[in-house]
C-alpha atoms as a PDB file:
ATOM      1  CA  MET A   1     -11.088  -8.548   2.539  1.00  0.00           C
ATOM      2  CA  GLU A   2     -13.765 -11.180   2.051  1.00  0.00           C
ATOM      3  CA  ALA A   3     -12.178 -14.085   0.341  1.00  0.00           C
ATOM      4  CA  THR A   4     -11.838 -17.346  -1.439  1.00  0.00           C
ATOM      5  CA  ILE A   5     -14.878 -19.194  -0.160  1.00  0.00           C
ATOM      6  CA  ILE A   6     -17.883 -20.728  -1.808  1.00  0.00           C
ATOM      7  CA  SER A   7     -20.501 -22.777   0.056  1.00  0.00           C
ATOM      8  CA  GLU A   8     -20.437 -25.134   3.009  1.00  0.00           C
ATOM      9  CA  LYS A   9     -20.709 -28.065   0.629  1.00  0.00           C
ATOM     10  CA  LYS A  10     -17.828 -27.158  -1.681  1.00  0.00           C
ATOM     11  CA  LYS A  11     -15.837 -25.428   1.039  1.00  0.00           C
ATOM     12  CA  HIS A  12     -12.626 -24.141  -0.541  1.00  0.00           C
ATOM     13  CA  TYR A  13     -12.587 -22.461  -3.933  1.00  0.00           C
ATOM     14  CA  PRO A  14      -9.378 -20.719  -5.062  1.00  0.00           C
ATOM     15  CA  VAL A  15     -10.274 -17.503  -6.871  1.00  0.00           C
ATOM     16  CA  LEU A  16      -9.122 -16.911 -10.475  1.00  0.00           C
ATOM     17  CA  LEU A  17      -7.345 -20.277 -10.431  1.00  0.00           C
ATOM     18  CA  ASN A  18      -7.468 -20.934 -14.186  1.00  0.00           C
ATOM     19  CA  GLU A  19      -6.322 -17.395 -14.976  1.00  0.00           C
ATOM     20  CA  ILE A  20      -3.346 -17.675 -12.602  1.00  0.00           C
ATOM     21  CA  ILE A  21      -2.291 -21.057 -13.994  1.00  0.00           C
ATOM     22  CA  SER A  22      -2.438 -19.720 -17.557  1.00  0.00           C
ATOM     23  CA  ILE A  23      -0.182 -16.807 -16.529  1.00  0.00           C
ATOM     24  CA  ILE A  24       2.490 -18.724 -14.563  1.00  0.00           C
ATOM     25  CA  THR A  25       2.499 -21.768 -16.944  1.00  0.00           C
ATOM     26  CA  PRO A  26       3.713 -24.498 -14.534  1.00  0.00           C
ATOM     27  CA  GLN A  27       3.628 -27.037 -17.381  1.00  0.00           C
ATOM     28  CA  TYR A  28       7.076 -25.734 -18.362  1.00  0.00           C
ATOM     29  CA  GLY A  29       8.508 -26.614 -14.953  1.00  0.00           C
ATOM     30  CA  GLY A  30      10.274 -24.566 -12.311  1.00  0.00           C
ATOM     31  CA  THR A  31       9.700 -23.686  -8.678  1.00  0.00           C
ATOM     32  CA  PHE A  32       6.713 -21.632  -7.514  1.00  0.00           C
ATOM     33  CA  ILE A  33       6.096 -19.995  -4.152  1.00  0.00           C
ATOM     34  CA  ASP A  34       2.532 -20.024  -2.854  1.00  0.00           C
ATOM     35  CA  CYS A  35       2.656 -17.248  -0.256  1.00  0.00           C
ATOM     36  CA  THR A  36      -0.870 -17.822   1.047  1.00  0.00           C
ATOM     37  CA  PHE A  37      -1.213 -21.603   1.093  1.00  0.00           C
ATOM     38  CA  GLY A  38      -4.593 -21.774   2.871  1.00  0.00           C
ATOM     39  CA  GLN A  39      -6.282 -25.008   1.783  1.00  0.00           C
ATOM     40  CA  GLY A  40      -3.733 -25.587  -0.972  1.00  0.00           C
ATOM     41  CA  GLY A  41      -5.867 -24.912  -4.041  1.00  0.00           C
ATOM     42  CA  TYR A  42      -3.164 -23.172  -6.077  1.00  0.00           C
ATOM     43  CA  SER A  43      -0.393 -25.498  -4.876  1.00  0.00           C
ATOM     44  CA  LYS A  44      -2.295 -28.648  -5.843  1.00  0.00           C
ATOM     45  CA  ARG A  45      -3.056 -27.362  -9.344  1.00  0.00           C
ATOM     46  CA  ILE A  46       0.588 -26.402  -9.930  1.00  0.00           C
ATOM     47  CA  LEU A  47       1.784 -29.820  -8.721  1.00  0.00           C
ATOM     48  CA  GLU A  48      -0.374 -31.547 -11.325  1.00  0.00           C
ATOM     49  CA  HIS A  49       2.499 -30.704 -13.684  1.00  0.00           C
ATOM     50  CA  PRO A  50       5.337 -33.191 -13.012  1.00  0.00           C
ATOM     51  CA  ASN A  51       8.248 -30.812 -13.660  1.00  0.00           C
ATOM     52  CA  SER A  52       7.020 -28.252 -11.131  1.00  0.00           C
ATOM     53  CA  LYS A  53       7.863 -27.713  -7.461  1.00  0.00           C
ATOM     54  CA  VAL A  54       6.000 -25.665  -4.850  1.00  0.00           C
ATOM     55  CA  ILE A  55       7.275 -23.908  -1.753  1.00  0.00           C
ATOM     56  CA  ALA A  56       4.190 -22.982   0.276  1.00  0.00           C
ATOM     57  CA  ILE A  57       4.043 -20.631   3.239  1.00  0.00           C
ATOM     58  CA  ASP A  58       1.260 -19.558   5.581  1.00  0.00           C
ATOM     59  CA  ARG A  59       1.190 -17.775   8.924  1.00  0.00           C
ATOM     60  CA  ASP A  60      -1.789 -19.885  10.043  1.00  0.00           C
ATOM     61  CA  GLU A  61      -0.681 -23.041  11.893  1.00  0.00           C
ATOM     62  CA  SER A  62      -4.057 -24.703  11.345  1.00  0.00           C
ATOM     63  CA  VAL A  63      -3.222 -25.393   7.680  1.00  0.00           C
ATOM     64  CA  LYS A  64      -0.357 -27.748   8.592  1.00  0.00           C
ATOM     65  CA  ASN A  65      -2.534 -30.854   8.277  1.00  0.00           C
ATOM     66  CA  LYS A  66      -3.497 -29.924   4.727  1.00  0.00           C
ATOM     67  CA  ALA A  67       0.175 -29.218   3.942  1.00  0.00           C
ATOM     68  CA  GLU A  68       1.203 -32.618   5.324  1.00  0.00           C
ATOM     69  CA  GLU A  69      -1.457 -34.299   3.188  1.00  0.00           C
ATOM     70  CA  ILE A  70      -0.103 -32.684   0.008  1.00  0.00           C
ATOM     71  CA  SER A  71       3.487 -33.351   1.072  1.00  0.00           C
ATOM     72  CA  SER A  72       2.777 -37.079   1.390  1.00  0.00           C
ATOM     73  CA  ASN A  73       1.623 -37.143  -2.242  1.00  0.00           C
ATOM     74  CA  PHE A  74       4.436 -34.957  -3.602  1.00  0.00           C
ATOM     75  CA  LYS A  75       7.363 -35.709  -1.283  1.00  0.00           C
ATOM     76  CA  ASP A  76      10.160 -34.320  -3.444  1.00  0.00           C
ATOM     77  CA  ARG A  77       8.191 -31.463  -4.989  1.00  0.00           C
ATOM     78  CA  PHE A  78       6.386 -29.767  -2.101  1.00  0.00           C
ATOM     79  CA  TYR A  79       7.746 -27.943   0.935  1.00  0.00           C
ATOM     80  CA  PHE A  80       5.728 -26.042   3.571  1.00  0.00           C
ATOM     81  CA  LYS A  81       6.837 -23.431   6.082  1.00  0.00           C
ATOM     82  CA  ASN A  82       4.753 -21.774   8.811  1.00  0.00           C
ATOM     83  CA  LEU A  83       5.857 -18.231   8.078  1.00  0.00           C
ATOM     84  CA  LYS A  84       4.525 -14.730   7.485  1.00  0.00           C
ATOM     85  CA  PHE A  85       4.989 -13.908   3.810  1.00  0.00           C
ATOM     86  CA  SER A  86       6.749 -10.657   4.651  1.00  0.00           C
ATOM     87  CA  ASN A  87       9.657 -12.952   5.618  1.00  0.00           C
ATOM     88  CA  ILE A  88       9.726 -14.805   2.302  1.00  0.00           C
ATOM     89  CA  ASN A  89      13.372 -13.807   1.834  1.00  0.00           C
ATOM     90  CA  SER A  90      14.331 -15.943   4.860  1.00  0.00           C
ATOM     91  CA  LEU A  91      13.560 -19.143   2.921  1.00  0.00           C
ATOM     92  CA  LYS A  92      16.574 -21.240   1.908  1.00  0.00           C
ATOM     93  CA  ILE A  93      16.088 -21.174  -1.865  1.00  0.00           C
ATOM     94  CA  ILE A  94      19.549 -20.368  -3.203  1.00  0.00           C
ATOM     95  CA  ASN A  95      19.533 -23.067  -5.887  1.00  0.00           C
ATOM     96  CA  GLU A  96      15.867 -22.801  -6.844  1.00  0.00           C
ATOM     97  CA  ASN A  97      14.659 -21.367 -10.145  1.00  0.00           C
ATOM     98  CA  ILE A  98      11.770 -19.278  -8.826  1.00  0.00           C
ATOM     99  CA  ARG A  99       9.499 -18.835 -11.848  1.00  0.00           C
ATOM    100  CA  GLY A 100       6.401 -17.563 -10.079  1.00  0.00           C
ATOM    101  CA  ILE A 101       5.289 -16.120  -6.743  1.00  0.00           C
ATOM    102  CA  LEU A 102       1.584 -16.010  -5.857  1.00  0.00           C
ATOM    103  CA  PHE A 103      -0.369 -14.034  -3.257  1.00  0.00           C
ATOM    104  CA  ASP A 104      -4.085 -14.547  -2.614  1.00  0.00           C
ATOM    105  CA  LEU A 105      -4.904 -11.890  -0.037  1.00  0.00           C
ATOM    106  CA  GLY A 106      -8.327 -13.268   0.846  1.00  0.00           C
ATOM    107  CA  TYR A 107      -9.318 -15.538   3.706  1.00  0.00           C
ATOM    108  CA  SER A 108     -10.046 -19.216   3.166  1.00  0.00           C
ATOM    109  CA  PHE A 109     -13.353 -20.881   3.954  1.00  0.00           C
ATOM    110  CA  SER A 110     -11.846 -22.691   6.948  1.00  0.00           C
ATOM    111  CA  GLN A 111     -10.543 -19.429   8.434  1.00  0.00           C
ATOM    112  CA  ILE A 112     -13.866 -17.622   8.071  1.00  0.00           C
ATOM    113  CA  LYS A 113     -15.772 -20.584   9.520  1.00  0.00           C
ATOM    114  CA  ASP A 114     -13.365 -21.026  12.444  1.00  0.00           C
ATOM    115  CA  PHE A 115     -15.249 -19.036  15.076  1.00  0.00           C
ATOM    116  CA  ASN A 116     -12.271 -19.289  17.445  1.00  0.00           C
ATOM    117  CA  LYS A 117     -10.429 -16.984  15.052  1.00  0.00           C
ATOM    118  CA  GLY A 118     -13.395 -14.620  15.089  1.00  0.00           C
ATOM    119  CA  LEU A 119     -12.756 -13.189  11.618  1.00  0.00           C
ATOM    120  CA  SER A 120     -16.448 -13.120  10.792  1.00  0.00           C
ATOM    121  CA  PHE A 121     -19.204 -10.992  12.299  1.00  0.00           C
ATOM    122  CA  ASN A 122     -21.098 -14.287  12.635  1.00  0.00           C
ATOM    123  CA  SER A 123     -18.559 -15.437  15.232  1.00  0.00           C
ATOM    124  CA  THR A 124     -19.330 -15.525  18.931  1.00  0.00           C
ATOM    125  CA  GLY A 125     -17.519 -14.903  22.184  1.00  0.00           C
ATOM    126  CA  LYS A 126     -14.244 -13.143  22.813  1.00  0.00           C
ATOM    127  CA  LEU A 127     -12.882 -10.962  20.003  1.00  0.00           C
ATOM    128  CA  ASN A 128      -9.820 -12.431  18.318  1.00  0.00           C
ATOM    129  CA  MET A 129      -9.151 -12.009  14.539  1.00  0.00           C
ATOM    130  CA  ARG A 130      -5.559 -13.316  14.747  1.00  0.00           C
ATOM    131  CA  LEU A 131      -4.431 -15.245  11.667  1.00  0.00           C
ATOM    132  CA  GLY A 132      -1.252 -16.528  13.318  1.00  0.00           C
ATOM    133  CA  ILE A 133       2.116 -15.209  14.514  1.00  0.00           C
ATOM    134  CA  ASN A 134       0.438 -12.166  16.091  1.00  0.00           C
ATOM    135  CA  ASP A 135       1.364  -9.755  18.864  1.00  0.00           C
ATOM    136  CA  PHE A 136      -2.180  -8.923  20.040  1.00  0.00           C
ATOM    137  CA  SER A 137      -5.848  -9.641  19.364  1.00  0.00           C
ATOM    138  CA  ALA A 138      -8.913  -7.575  18.433  1.00  0.00           C
ATOM    139  CA  HIS A 139     -10.040  -7.961  22.055  1.00  0.00           C
ATOM    140  CA  GLU A 140      -7.021  -6.000  23.277  1.00  0.00           C
ATOM    141  CA  ALA A 141      -7.365  -3.380  20.546  1.00  0.00           C
ATOM    142  CA  ILE A 142     -11.086  -2.682  20.860  1.00  0.00           C
ATOM    143  CA  ASN A 143     -11.074  -2.661  24.668  1.00  0.00           C
ATOM    144  CA  ASN A 144      -7.900  -0.633  25.265  1.00  0.00           C
ATOM    145  CA  LEU A 145      -7.124   1.821  22.472  1.00  0.00           C
ATOM    146  CA  SER A 146      -8.193   5.444  22.691  1.00  0.00           C
ATOM    147  CA  GLU A 147     -11.185   6.925  20.900  1.00  0.00           C
ATOM    148  CA  GLN A 148      -9.005   8.780  18.388  1.00  0.00           C
ATOM    149  CA  ASP A 149      -6.917   5.694  17.630  1.00  0.00           C
ATOM    150  CA  LEU A 150      -9.987   3.550  16.977  1.00  0.00           C
ATOM    151  CA  ILE A 151     -11.463   6.254  14.730  1.00  0.00           C
ATOM    152  CA  LYS A 152      -8.300   6.244  12.599  1.00  0.00           C
ATOM    153  CA  ILE A 153      -8.351   2.449  12.290  1.00  0.00           C
ATOM    154  CA  LEU A 154     -12.000   2.329  11.173  1.00  0.00           C
ATOM    155  CA  LYS A 155     -11.639   5.317   8.851  1.00  0.00           C
ATOM    156  CA  TYR A 156      -8.441   4.364   7.006  1.00  0.00           C
ATOM    157  CA  PHE A 157      -8.478   0.561   7.172  1.00  0.00           C
ATOM    158  CA  GLY A 158     -12.219   0.067   6.734  1.00  0.00           C
ATOM    159  CA  ASP A 159     -13.321   3.205   4.918  1.00  0.00           C
ATOM    160  CA  GLU A 160     -16.137   3.275   7.465  1.00  0.00           C
ATOM    161  CA  ARG A 161     -18.048   6.550   7.130  1.00  0.00           C
ATOM    162  CA  ASP A 162     -19.775   6.196  10.490  1.00  0.00           C
ATOM    163  CA  ASN A 163     -16.465   5.694  12.303  1.00  0.00           C
ATOM    164  CA  LYS A 164     -16.976   8.426  14.922  1.00  0.00           C
ATOM    165  CA  LYS A 165     -20.450   7.292  15.935  1.00  0.00           C
ATOM    166  CA  ILE A 166     -19.394   3.638  16.102  1.00  0.00           C
ATOM    167  CA  VAL A 167     -16.313   4.392  18.205  1.00  0.00           C
ATOM    168  CA  LYS A 168     -18.247   6.712  20.513  1.00  0.00           C
ATOM    169  CA  ASN A 169     -20.663   3.878  21.278  1.00  0.00           C
ATOM    170  CA  ILE A 170     -17.769   1.409  21.681  1.00  0.00           C
ATOM    171  CA  ILE A 171     -16.151   3.641  24.295  1.00  0.00           C
ATOM    172  CA  LYS A 172     -19.466   4.034  26.116  1.00  0.00           C
ATOM    173  CA  GLU A 173     -20.217   0.297  26.184  1.00  0.00           C
ATOM    174  CA  ARG A 174     -16.742  -0.900  27.122  1.00  0.00           C
ATOM    175  CA  THR A 175     -16.771   1.104  30.372  1.00  0.00           C
ATOM    176  CA  ARG A 176     -19.421  -1.372  31.567  1.00  0.00           C
ATOM    177  CA  ASN A 177     -17.777  -4.560  30.378  1.00  0.00           C
ATOM    178  CA  PHE A 178     -15.318  -6.048  27.889  1.00  0.00           C
ATOM    179  CA  LEU A 179     -16.816  -6.088  24.414  1.00  0.00           C
ATOM    180  CA  THR A 180     -17.493  -9.477  22.826  1.00  0.00           C
ATOM    181  CA  THR A 181     -17.908 -10.175  19.110  1.00  0.00           C
ATOM    182  CA  GLU A 182     -21.697 -10.186  19.437  1.00  0.00           C
ATOM    183  CA  LYS A 183     -21.681  -6.894  21.362  1.00  0.00           C
ATOM    184  CA  LEU A 184     -19.443  -5.208  18.810  1.00  0.00           C
ATOM    185  CA  VAL A 185     -21.752  -6.268  15.966  1.00  0.00           C
ATOM    186  CA  GLU A 186     -24.732  -4.949  17.946  1.00  0.00           C
ATOM    187  CA  ILE A 187     -22.990  -1.598  18.498  1.00  0.00           C
ATOM    188  CA  VAL A 188     -22.093  -1.204  14.820  1.00  0.00           C
ATOM    189  CA  ILE A 189     -25.628  -1.993  13.641  1.00  0.00           C
ATOM    190  CA  LYS A 190     -27.064   0.492  16.135  1.00  0.00           C
ATOM    191  CA  SER A 191     -24.552   3.183  15.090  1.00  0.00           C
ATOM    192  CA  LYS A 192     -24.950   2.992  11.315  1.00  0.00           C
ATOM    193  CA  LYS A 193     -26.864   5.836   9.685  1.00  0.00           C
ATOM    194  CA  PHE A 194     -27.273   4.176   6.307  1.00  0.00           C
ATOM    195  CA  LYS A 195     -27.566   0.424   6.011  1.00  0.00           C
ATOM    196  CA  ASN A 196     -26.565  -1.060   2.658  1.00  0.00           C
ATOM    197  CA  SER A 197     -28.709  -4.129   2.180  1.00  0.00           C
ATOM    198  CA  LYS A 198     -26.048  -5.792   0.004  1.00  0.00           C
ATOM    199  CA  ILE A 199     -23.440  -6.021   2.757  1.00  0.00           C
ATOM    200  CA  HIS A 200     -23.646  -6.609   6.496  1.00  0.00           C
ATOM    201  CA  PRO A 201     -23.409  -3.328   8.508  1.00  0.00           C
ATOM    202  CA  ALA A 202     -20.368  -4.647  10.424  1.00  0.00           C
ATOM    203  CA  THR A 203     -18.382  -5.603   7.290  1.00  0.00           C
ATOM    204  CA  LYS A 204     -16.152  -2.521   7.175  1.00  0.00           C
ATOM    205  CA  THR A 205     -15.521  -2.397  10.922  1.00  0.00           C
ATOM    206  CA  PHE A 206     -14.443  -6.038  10.950  1.00  0.00           C
ATOM    207  CA  GLN A 207     -12.270  -5.486   7.877  1.00  0.00           C
ATOM    208  CA  ALA A 208     -10.513  -2.587   9.600  1.00  0.00           C
ATOM    209  CA  LEU A 209      -9.837  -4.573  12.755  1.00  0.00           C
ATOM    210  CA  ARG A 210      -8.571  -7.622  10.830  1.00  0.00           C
ATOM    211  CA  ILE A 211      -6.145  -5.440   8.891  1.00  0.00           C
ATOM    212  CA  PHE A 212      -4.944  -3.774  12.098  1.00  0.00           C
ATOM    213  CA  VAL A 213      -4.617  -6.958  14.185  1.00  0.00           C
ATOM    214  CA  ASN A 214      -2.707  -8.820  11.468  1.00  0.00           C
ATOM    215  CA  LYS A 215      -0.654  -5.771  10.382  1.00  0.00           C
ATOM    216  CA  GLU A 216      -1.721  -6.476   6.828  1.00  0.00           C
ATOM    217  CA  ILE A 217      -0.410  -3.197   5.401  1.00  0.00           C
ATOM    218  CA  SER A 218       3.232  -3.758   6.353  1.00  0.00           C
ATOM    219  CA  GLU A 219       2.828  -7.485   5.623  1.00  0.00           C
ATOM    220  CA  LEU A 220       1.775  -6.718   2.059  1.00  0.00           C
ATOM    221  CA  ILE A 221       4.375  -4.019   1.446  1.00  0.00           C
ATOM    222  CA  TYR A 222       7.315  -6.062   2.768  1.00  0.00           C
ATOM    223  CA  GLY A 223       5.881  -9.170   1.142  1.00  0.00           C
ATOM    224  CA  LEU A 224       5.986  -7.446  -2.264  1.00  0.00           C
ATOM    225  CA  ILE A 225       9.485  -6.040  -1.699  1.00  0.00           C
ATOM    226  CA  ASN A 226      10.989  -9.332  -0.509  1.00  0.00           C
ATOM    227  CA  ALA A 227       9.162 -11.444  -3.093  1.00  0.00           C
ATOM    228  CA  THR A 228      10.671  -9.220  -5.786  1.00  0.00           C
ATOM    229  CA  LYS A 229      14.147  -9.925  -4.387  1.00  0.00           C
ATOM    230  CA  VAL A 230      13.540 -13.687  -4.414  1.00  0.00           C
ATOM    231  CA  LEU A 231      12.011 -13.824  -7.907  1.00  0.00           C
ATOM    232  CA  LYS A 232      14.311 -14.705 -10.807  1.00  0.00           C
ATOM    233  CA  LYS A 233      14.542 -12.880 -14.154  1.00  0.00           C
ATOM    234  CA  ASP A 234      11.496 -13.642 -16.334  1.00  0.00           C
ATOM    235  CA  GLY A 235       9.632 -14.813 -13.236  1.00  0.00           C
ATOM    236  CA  ILE A 236       6.053 -13.726 -12.560  1.00  0.00           C
ATOM    237  CA  LEU A 237       4.708 -12.001  -9.459  1.00  0.00           C
ATOM    238  CA  ALA A 238       0.911 -12.356  -9.230  1.00  0.00           C
ATOM    239  CA  VAL A 239      -1.370 -10.900  -6.566  1.00  0.00           C
ATOM    240  CA  VAL A 240      -5.106 -11.335  -5.998  1.00  0.00           C
ATOM    241  CA  THR A 241      -6.613  -8.503  -3.934  1.00  0.00           C
ATOM    242  CA  PHE A 242     -10.095  -8.151  -2.451  1.00  0.00           C
ATOM    243  CA  HIS A 243     -10.492  -4.507  -1.485  1.00  0.00           C
ATOM    244  CA  SER A 244      -9.373  -1.118  -2.772  1.00  0.00           C
ATOM    245  CA  LEU A 245      -6.679  -0.527  -0.131  1.00  0.00           C
ATOM    246  CA  GLU A 246      -4.795  -3.704  -1.054  1.00  0.00           C
ATOM    247  CA  ASP A 247      -5.225  -3.062  -4.765  1.00  0.00           C
ATOM    248  CA  LYS A 248      -3.961   0.506  -4.412  1.00  0.00           C
ATOM    249  CA  ILE A 249      -0.719  -0.720  -2.805  1.00  0.00           C
ATOM    250  CA  VAL A 250      -0.140  -3.499  -5.344  1.00  0.00           C
ATOM    251  CA  LYS A 251      -0.941  -1.262  -8.308  1.00  0.00           C
ATOM    252  CA  TYR A 252       1.453   1.453  -7.102  1.00  0.00           C
ATOM    253  CA  PHE A 253       4.294  -0.982  -6.425  1.00  0.00           C
ATOM    254  CA  PHE A 254       4.008  -2.621  -9.835  1.00  0.00           C
ATOM    255  CA  LYS A 255       3.625   0.627 -11.753  1.00  0.00           C
ATOM    256  CA  SER A 256       6.375   2.514  -9.915  1.00  0.00           C
ATOM    257  CA  LEU A 257       8.931  -0.163 -10.813  1.00  0.00           C
ATOM    258  CA  SER A 258       7.715  -0.526 -14.381  1.00  0.00           C
ATOM    259  CA  GLU A 259       8.268   3.013 -15.631  1.00  0.00           C
ATOM    260  CA  ASN A 260      11.244   5.326 -16.113  1.00  0.00           C
ATOM    261  CA  LYS A 261      10.498   8.224 -13.798  1.00  0.00           C
ATOM    262  CA  SER A 262      12.854  10.928 -15.077  1.00  0.00           C
ATOM    263  CA  ILE A 263      11.644  14.270 -13.765  1.00  0.00           C
ATOM    264  CA  SER A 264      13.700  16.287 -16.193  1.00  0.00           C
ATOM    265  CA  ARG A 265      15.047  15.582 -19.677  1.00  0.00           C
ATOM    266  CA  TYR A 266      18.293  17.179 -18.475  1.00  0.00           C
ATOM    267  CA  GLU A 267      18.725  14.664 -15.659  1.00  0.00           C
ATOM    268  CA  PRO A 268      21.600  12.249 -16.346  1.00  0.00           C
ATOM    269  CA  LYS A 269      20.425   8.854 -17.535  1.00  0.00           C
ATOM    270  CA  LYS A 270      22.430   7.039 -14.877  1.00  0.00           C
ATOM    271  CA  THR A 271      20.323   8.678 -12.121  1.00  0.00           C
ATOM    272  CA  GLN A 272      17.002   7.727 -13.667  1.00  0.00           C
ATOM    273  CA  GLN A 273      14.882   4.968 -12.170  1.00  0.00           C
ATOM    274  CA  LYS A 274      15.534   1.720 -14.025  1.00  0.00           C
ATOM    275  CA  MET A 275      12.677  -0.557 -14.943  1.00  0.00           C
ATOM    276  CA  LEU A 276      12.439  -3.806 -13.006  1.00  0.00           C
ATOM    277  CA  PHE A 277       9.042  -5.106 -14.146  1.00  0.00           C
ATOM    278  CA  ARG A 278       7.090  -5.421 -17.347  1.00  0.00           C
ATOM    279  CA  ILE A 279       3.332  -5.054 -17.063  1.00  0.00           C
ATOM    280  CA  GLU A 280       1.538  -7.175 -19.651  1.00  0.00           C
ATOM    281  CA  LYS A 281      -1.957  -5.948 -18.756  1.00  0.00           C
ATOM    282  CA  LYS A 282      -2.570  -2.468 -17.342  1.00  0.00           C
ATOM    283  CA  LYS A 283      -6.090  -3.343 -16.246  1.00  0.00           C
ATOM    284  CA  PRO A 284      -6.668  -5.967 -13.541  1.00  0.00           C
ATOM    285  CA  ILE A 285      -8.136  -9.366 -14.392  1.00  0.00           C
ATOM    286  CA  TYR A 286     -11.566 -10.046 -12.905  1.00  0.00           C
ATOM    287  CA  PRO A 287     -13.383 -13.325 -12.232  1.00  0.00           C
ATOM    288  CA  SER A 288     -15.680 -14.533 -15.007  1.00  0.00           C
ATOM    289  CA  VAL A 289     -19.448 -14.274 -14.723  1.00  0.00           C
ATOM    290  CA  LYS A 290     -19.501 -18.049 -14.317  1.00  0.00           C
ATOM    291  CA  GLU A 291     -17.039 -17.965 -11.400  1.00  0.00           C
ATOM    292  CA  ILE A 292     -18.932 -15.178  -9.637  1.00  0.00           C
ATOM    293  CA  ARG A 293     -22.165 -17.129 -10.053  1.00  0.00           C
ATOM    294  CA  GLU A 294     -20.563 -20.237  -8.540  1.00  0.00           C
ATOM    295  CA  ASN A 295     -18.664 -18.322  -5.870  1.00  0.00           C
ATOM    296  CA  PRO A 296     -20.208 -14.907  -5.020  1.00  0.00           C
ATOM    297  CA  SER A 297     -17.290 -14.122  -2.680  1.00  0.00           C
ATOM    298  CA  SER A 298     -15.021 -13.821  -5.714  1.00  0.00           C
ATOM    299  CA  ARG A 299     -16.898 -10.783  -7.043  1.00  0.00           C
ATOM    300  CA  SER A 300     -14.501  -8.271  -5.472  1.00  0.00           C
ATOM    301  CA  ALA A 301     -11.312 -10.088  -6.558  1.00  0.00           C
ATOM    302  CA  LYS A 302      -8.731  -8.420  -8.809  1.00  0.00           C
ATOM    303  CA  LEU A 303      -5.649 -10.112 -10.227  1.00  0.00           C
ATOM    304  CA  ARG A 304      -2.576  -8.080 -11.166  1.00  0.00           C
ATOM    305  CA  TYR A 305       0.750  -9.494 -12.272  1.00  0.00           C
ATOM    306  CA  VAL A 306       4.155  -8.396 -13.519  1.00  0.00           C
ATOM    307  CA  ILE A 307       7.172 -10.065 -15.127  1.00  0.00           C
ATOM    308  CA  LYS A 308      10.593  -9.372 -13.634  1.00  0.00           C
ATOM    309  CA  ILE A 309      12.918  -8.298 -16.447  1.00  0.00           C
ATOM    310  CA  LYS A 310      16.142  -7.891 -14.493  1.00  0.00           C
ATOM    311  CA  ASP A 311      17.992 -10.471 -12.389  1.00  0.00           C
ATOM    312  CA  THR A 312      18.819  -8.374  -9.334  1.00  0.00           C
ATOM    313  CA  ILE A 313      17.935  -8.070  -5.663  1.00  0.00           C
ATOM    314  CA  GLU A 314      19.026  -4.438  -5.580  1.00  0.00           C
ATOM    315  CA  PHE A 315      16.346  -1.888  -6.371  1.00  0.00           C
ATOM    316  CA  LYS A 316      14.887   1.302  -4.944  1.00  0.00           C
ATOM    317  CA  THR A 317      11.231   1.796  -4.127  1.00  0.00           C
ATOM    318  CA  ASP A 318       9.385   4.643  -2.424  1.00  0.00           C
ATOM    319  CA  ILE A 319       6.416   2.469  -1.430  1.00  0.00           C
ATOM    320  CA  LEU A 320       7.171   2.836   2.295  1.00  0.00           C
ATOM    321  CA  GLU A 321       7.070   6.626   1.985  1.00  0.00           C
ATOM    322  CA  LYS A 322       3.981   6.520  -0.229  1.00  0.00           C
ATOM    323  CA  PHE A 323       1.951   4.568   2.327  1.00  0.00           C
ATOM    324  CA  ASN A 324       3.629   5.872   5.458  1.00  0.00           C
ATOM    325  CA  TYR A 325       0.314   7.313   6.693  1.00  0.00           C
ATOM    326  CA  LEU A 326      -1.106   3.773   6.831  1.00  0.00           C
ATOM    327  CA  LEU A 327       2.012   2.358   8.479  1.00  0.00           C
ATOM    328  CA  LYS A 328       1.703   5.029  11.182  1.00  0.00           C
ATOM    329  CA  ILE A 329      -1.825   3.864  11.936  1.00  0.00           C
ATOM    330  CA  GLU A 330      -0.546   0.299  12.112  1.00  0.00           C
ATOM    331  CA  GLY A 331       2.051   1.601  14.559  1.00  0.00           C
ATOM    332  CA  ILE A 332      -0.726   2.421  17.031  1.00  0.00           C
ATOM    333  CA  SER A 333      -0.344  -1.228  18.058  1.00  0.00           C
ATOM    334  CA  LYS A 334       2.810  -0.287  19.978  1.00  0.00           C
ATOM    335  CA  LYS A 335       0.494   1.134  22.644  1.00  0.00           C
ATOM    336  CA  LEU A 336      -0.916  -2.312  23.410  1.00  0.00           C
END
């Protein structure tokens, strides 16, 4: 889940910004919800259009200063709430014409560079990885969960092939002392059979732990469900993902609500799944060669979007059943 960052000099760089703006068309006015405010890149571009409003949310309290800065410039058109996006339906937006809802599932430059958060394998000291509004940290998970639980987390959330060897060495080392960020990186490097020179050996392990600590699977699933309820007819739901697990969930949710899924031609029409979305592009939108050159971290980004074609908050989805195996792994956190 490496994210929307560029260089120390340019700092924040919102991925696929021009593509998103061309899709949601804020020049025609309306209210937009930026579900991952971060450093405000998407929000600021939307607010350049005078008939637009932005409701921004972020679970990370550290972005409040940036939100206050934007709010001072757009007092009547910008509102910020420190909130997990899975709770988007708790916003008081009864009279708002929600024309677009945006999710950028990457991490901002400031989050990656904040070593107190410990999201990066370049961090030091006590393991953390909390984005905000969390129940536990990576320190508690890595130092307390069982061998089998840690194997599941690394295997399914990080697609880490060397999960068993890494976890075996974690268990061995933690009996001597609590594991720090530096020690965990050292263990992973020592445990890896094959080292891909293009990515750091600890990339997948850190991805898995970040997903687990921040409960990113249930966050995404409930975020999609509740955003769909909030969105108005003809509104656009756009999501930028950064790894295959996220993209798999988004793709399934969009597709499953965009097709009639009659099993039998003899099944009564009234029992058939009704379409809720229209998919304009079946294939995801990727960053341009120019953007990747300017911001290498954008290379793994994929943008998918749908248009809501029915004004309803009532719909059925089997996404919770489909990804129940991942939610069960997330549920390991109840042991902490």
